[in-house]
Protein backbone atom coordinates (compact mmCIF):
# COMPACT_ATOMS: atom_id res chain seq x y z
CA MET A 1 -8.29 80.08 -85.06
CA ARG A 2 -5.64 82.02 -86.94
CA LEU A 3 -8.35 83.32 -89.28
CA GLN A 4 -10.41 84.60 -86.34
CA LYS A 5 -7.38 86.38 -84.86
CA LEU A 6 -6.61 87.97 -88.23
CA PHE A 7 -10.21 89.21 -88.54
CA ALA A 8 -10.09 90.69 -85.03
CA VAL A 9 -6.80 92.49 -85.77
CA LEU A 10 -8.19 93.93 -89.02
CA THR A 11 -11.38 95.13 -87.28
CA VAL A 12 -9.42 96.92 -84.55
CA ALA A 13 -7.15 98.47 -87.17
CA ALA A 14 -10.12 99.74 -89.18
CA LEU A 15 -11.68 101.29 -86.09
CA SER A 16 -8.39 102.93 -85.18
CA VAL A 17 -8.11 104.47 -88.65
CA SER A 18 -11.67 105.80 -88.44
CA ILE A 19 -11.05 107.41 -85.07
CA ALA A 20 -7.74 108.87 -86.17
CA GLY A 21 -9.38 110.25 -89.31
CA GLY A 22 -11.86 112.17 -87.24
CA VAL A 23 -14.97 110.47 -88.57
CA SER A 24 -17.95 112.01 -86.76
CA ALA A 25 -21.67 112.49 -87.13
CA ALA A 26 -23.40 115.83 -87.57
CA ASP A 27 -25.64 117.03 -84.75
CA GLN A 28 -29.19 117.98 -85.74
CA TYR A 29 -30.64 121.36 -84.78
CA GLY A 30 -34.22 122.60 -85.12
CA ILE A 31 -34.93 126.26 -85.86
CA ASP A 32 -36.35 128.22 -82.92
CA ILE A 33 -38.79 130.49 -84.78
CA VAL A 34 -39.42 132.64 -81.70
CA HIS A 35 -35.79 133.78 -81.75
CA SER A 36 -35.31 133.76 -85.52
CA SER A 37 -36.27 136.07 -88.37
CA ILE A 38 -36.35 136.26 -92.16
CA GLN A 39 -36.45 139.86 -93.38
CA PHE A 40 -36.26 141.49 -96.80
CA SER A 41 -36.21 144.96 -98.33
CA VAL A 42 -36.87 146.25 -101.84
CA LYS A 43 -36.59 149.69 -103.40
CA HIS A 44 -39.93 151.51 -103.86
CA MET A 45 -40.22 154.21 -106.55
CA LEU A 46 -36.44 154.72 -106.37
CA ILE A 47 -36.70 156.78 -103.18
CA SER A 48 -37.35 154.42 -100.26
CA ASN A 49 -37.01 150.83 -99.09
CA VAL A 50 -40.06 148.78 -98.24
CA LYS A 51 -39.26 146.14 -95.62
CA GLY A 52 -41.07 142.99 -94.70
CA THR A 53 -40.80 139.59 -93.07
CA PHE A 54 -41.93 136.03 -93.52
CA ASP A 55 -43.46 135.07 -90.20
CA LYS A 56 -43.75 131.30 -90.71
CA PHE A 57 -40.82 129.08 -91.61
CA ASP A 58 -39.18 125.88 -90.50
CA GLY A 59 -36.05 123.92 -91.12
CA VAL A 60 -33.31 121.59 -89.98
CA ILE A 61 -29.62 122.33 -89.61
CA LYS A 62 -27.04 119.57 -89.35
CA TYR A 63 -23.76 120.75 -87.91
CA ASP A 64 -20.55 118.80 -87.51
CA PRO A 65 -17.97 120.93 -85.67
CA GLU A 66 -15.22 118.45 -86.55
CA ASN A 67 -15.91 118.46 -90.29
CA ILE A 68 -17.98 121.29 -91.77
CA ALA A 69 -18.39 119.29 -95.00
CA ASN A 70 -20.74 116.97 -93.09
CA SER A 71 -23.03 119.88 -92.27
CA SER A 72 -26.19 120.90 -94.13
CA VAL A 73 -29.21 123.18 -93.94
CA GLU A 74 -32.75 122.90 -95.24
CA VAL A 75 -35.34 125.68 -94.81
CA THR A 76 -38.98 126.02 -95.91
CA ILE A 77 -40.73 129.41 -95.88
CA ASP A 78 -44.51 129.84 -95.93
CA VAL A 79 -45.13 132.40 -98.71
CA ALA A 80 -48.57 133.31 -97.36
CA SER A 81 -46.97 134.48 -94.10
CA ILE A 82 -45.47 137.55 -95.79
CA ASN A 83 -45.90 140.66 -93.67
CA THR A 84 -45.13 144.20 -94.90
CA LYS A 85 -47.57 145.82 -92.46
CA ASP A 86 -50.03 146.58 -95.26
CA GLN A 87 -52.79 144.05 -95.97
CA LYS A 88 -53.47 145.24 -99.52
CA ARG A 89 -49.79 145.08 -100.45
CA ASP A 90 -49.37 141.66 -98.81
CA ASP A 91 -52.34 140.29 -100.77
CA HIS A 92 -50.82 141.66 -103.98
CA VAL A 93 -47.47 139.98 -103.29
CA ARG A 94 -49.28 136.70 -102.58
CA SER A 95 -51.13 136.95 -105.91
CA GLU A 96 -50.03 135.44 -109.24
CA GLU A 97 -48.53 138.79 -110.25
CA PHE A 98 -45.80 138.27 -107.66
CA LEU A 99 -45.15 135.07 -105.65
CA ASP A 100 -48.34 133.22 -106.61
CA ALA A 101 -48.77 131.65 -103.18
CA SER A 102 -51.78 129.54 -104.22
CA LYS A 103 -49.67 127.58 -106.75
CA HIS A 104 -46.30 127.92 -105.04
CA PRO A 105 -46.96 128.01 -101.29
CA ASN A 106 -43.33 127.60 -100.22
CA ILE A 107 -39.92 129.11 -100.79
CA THR A 108 -37.26 126.49 -100.11
CA PHE A 109 -33.52 126.26 -99.75
CA LYS A 110 -31.59 123.00 -99.55
CA SER A 111 -27.81 122.95 -99.36
CA ASN A 112 -25.69 120.45 -101.23
CA LYS A 113 -22.43 121.49 -99.58
CA ILE A 114 -21.04 123.77 -96.87
CA VAL A 115 -17.56 125.22 -97.29
CA LYS A 116 -15.27 127.38 -95.14
CA LYS A 117 -14.48 130.79 -96.60
CA ASP A 118 -12.50 133.62 -95.01
CA ASP A 119 -13.96 134.33 -91.55
CA GLY A 120 -17.22 132.54 -92.26
CA TYR A 121 -18.84 129.85 -94.36
CA VAL A 122 -20.79 129.48 -97.58
CA ALA A 123 -23.84 127.28 -98.08
CA VAL A 124 -24.09 126.20 -101.71
CA GLY A 125 -27.48 124.84 -102.64
CA THR A 126 -30.80 125.14 -104.45
CA LEU A 127 -33.13 128.08 -103.83
CA THR A 128 -36.65 127.64 -105.18
CA ILE A 129 -39.02 130.59 -105.55
CA ARG A 130 -42.30 130.54 -107.52
CA GLY A 131 -41.39 127.11 -108.85
CA VAL A 132 -38.04 128.27 -110.27
CA SER A 133 -34.95 126.57 -108.83
CA LYS A 134 -31.44 128.00 -109.06
CA GLU A 135 -28.14 127.19 -107.42
CA VAL A 136 -27.00 129.98 -105.11
CA GLU A 137 -24.16 130.64 -102.71
CA LEU A 138 -25.21 132.01 -99.34
CA PRO A 139 -22.40 133.37 -97.17
CA PHE A 140 -23.07 133.04 -93.45
CA VAL A 141 -21.57 133.52 -90.02
CA LEU A 142 -21.92 130.77 -87.44
CA ASN A 143 -22.14 131.65 -83.75
CA GLY A 144 -21.74 129.00 -81.07
CA PRO A 145 -22.48 126.35 -80.14
CA ILE A 146 -23.21 127.43 -76.58
CA THR A 147 -25.24 126.00 -73.71
CA ASN A 148 -28.25 128.13 -72.78
CA PRO A 149 -29.56 128.56 -69.20
CA TRP A 150 -31.86 125.55 -69.67
CA GLY A 151 -29.00 123.21 -70.55
CA GLN A 152 -29.74 123.10 -74.28
CA THR A 153 -27.06 123.37 -76.96
CA VAL A 154 -27.82 126.21 -79.38
CA ILE A 155 -26.20 127.82 -82.41
CA GLY A 156 -26.85 131.07 -84.27
CA ILE A 157 -26.57 131.71 -88.02
CA GLU A 158 -26.47 135.12 -89.74
CA ILE A 159 -27.00 135.41 -93.49
CA GLU A 160 -27.14 138.45 -95.76
CA PHE A 161 -27.44 138.30 -99.55
CA LYS A 162 -29.14 139.83 -102.59
CA LEU A 163 -31.16 138.26 -105.37
CA ASN A 164 -32.83 139.53 -108.52
CA ARG A 165 -36.52 138.69 -108.45
CA GLN A 166 -36.65 138.60 -112.26
CA ASP A 167 -34.48 135.46 -112.13
CA TYR A 168 -37.35 133.67 -110.40
CA GLY A 169 -40.17 134.86 -112.63
CA VAL A 170 -41.39 137.58 -110.25
CA LYS A 171 -41.79 140.12 -113.04
CA TRP A 172 -44.69 142.48 -112.18
CA ASN A 173 -43.87 146.17 -112.34
CA LYS A 174 -45.06 149.58 -113.44
CA THR A 175 -43.10 152.41 -115.01
CA MET A 176 -43.50 155.86 -113.49
CA ASP A 177 -43.81 159.03 -115.56
CA SER A 178 -40.19 159.77 -114.69
CA GLY A 179 -39.16 156.48 -116.27
CA GLY A 180 -38.28 154.72 -113.02
CA LEU A 181 -39.84 151.48 -111.83
CA VAL A 182 -42.29 151.27 -108.96
CA VAL A 183 -40.65 148.14 -107.53
CA GLY A 184 -36.92 147.44 -107.69
CA ASP A 185 -35.56 144.15 -108.99
CA ASP A 186 -32.89 143.60 -106.34
CA ILE A 187 -34.11 142.12 -103.06
CA LYS A 188 -31.94 142.37 -99.96
CA ILE A 189 -32.45 139.46 -97.58
CA GLU A 190 -31.32 139.17 -93.99
CA ILE A 191 -31.75 135.92 -92.09
CA ASN A 192 -31.03 135.36 -88.42
CA LEU A 193 -31.56 131.85 -87.14
CA GLU A 194 -31.30 130.42 -83.66
CA ALA A 195 -31.39 126.64 -83.59
CA THR A 196 -31.56 124.11 -80.75
CA LYS A 197 -29.85 120.73 -80.76
CA SER A 198 -32.34 117.87 -80.90
């Protein structure tokens, strides 16, 4: 009898410590592609910026407002969905000279930790392009959560960063008579995600 009472006391104590410590589970959010976008721009012949989008992507965001360290993000982008408003150029980017969509159909990012930094956050994780994986740090701003007019809980995420395409084996280029390159190496990427709680 005394043993049972001792077990009960220890169980209550453990639960009390867990609650006091703020242990909580992350909520899962699915990306709303209709209200989200993945855009990029790259310098063309040193004088202009060519812009484009990836029109098909998916992912899951786990967000714990009580403990950001419990949060995570995983996104998959369909390389073939690239859209620069020029069919010939899009086909070239899909080819083995650029992203090689037939062998590497997806660009992926998977976080391994989320940390608070200044007025925003940083997602540290693995970015894989053309079969090459590298650890990157993606600074982002989190908006929400809010309740939309249909009673759903939604959040917004804004990300802006640069990467060098040469780091991922995307090496095609041509040198102009002036000595400049037709396609720049630095890619500017802007991601805006709206996600709905499952």
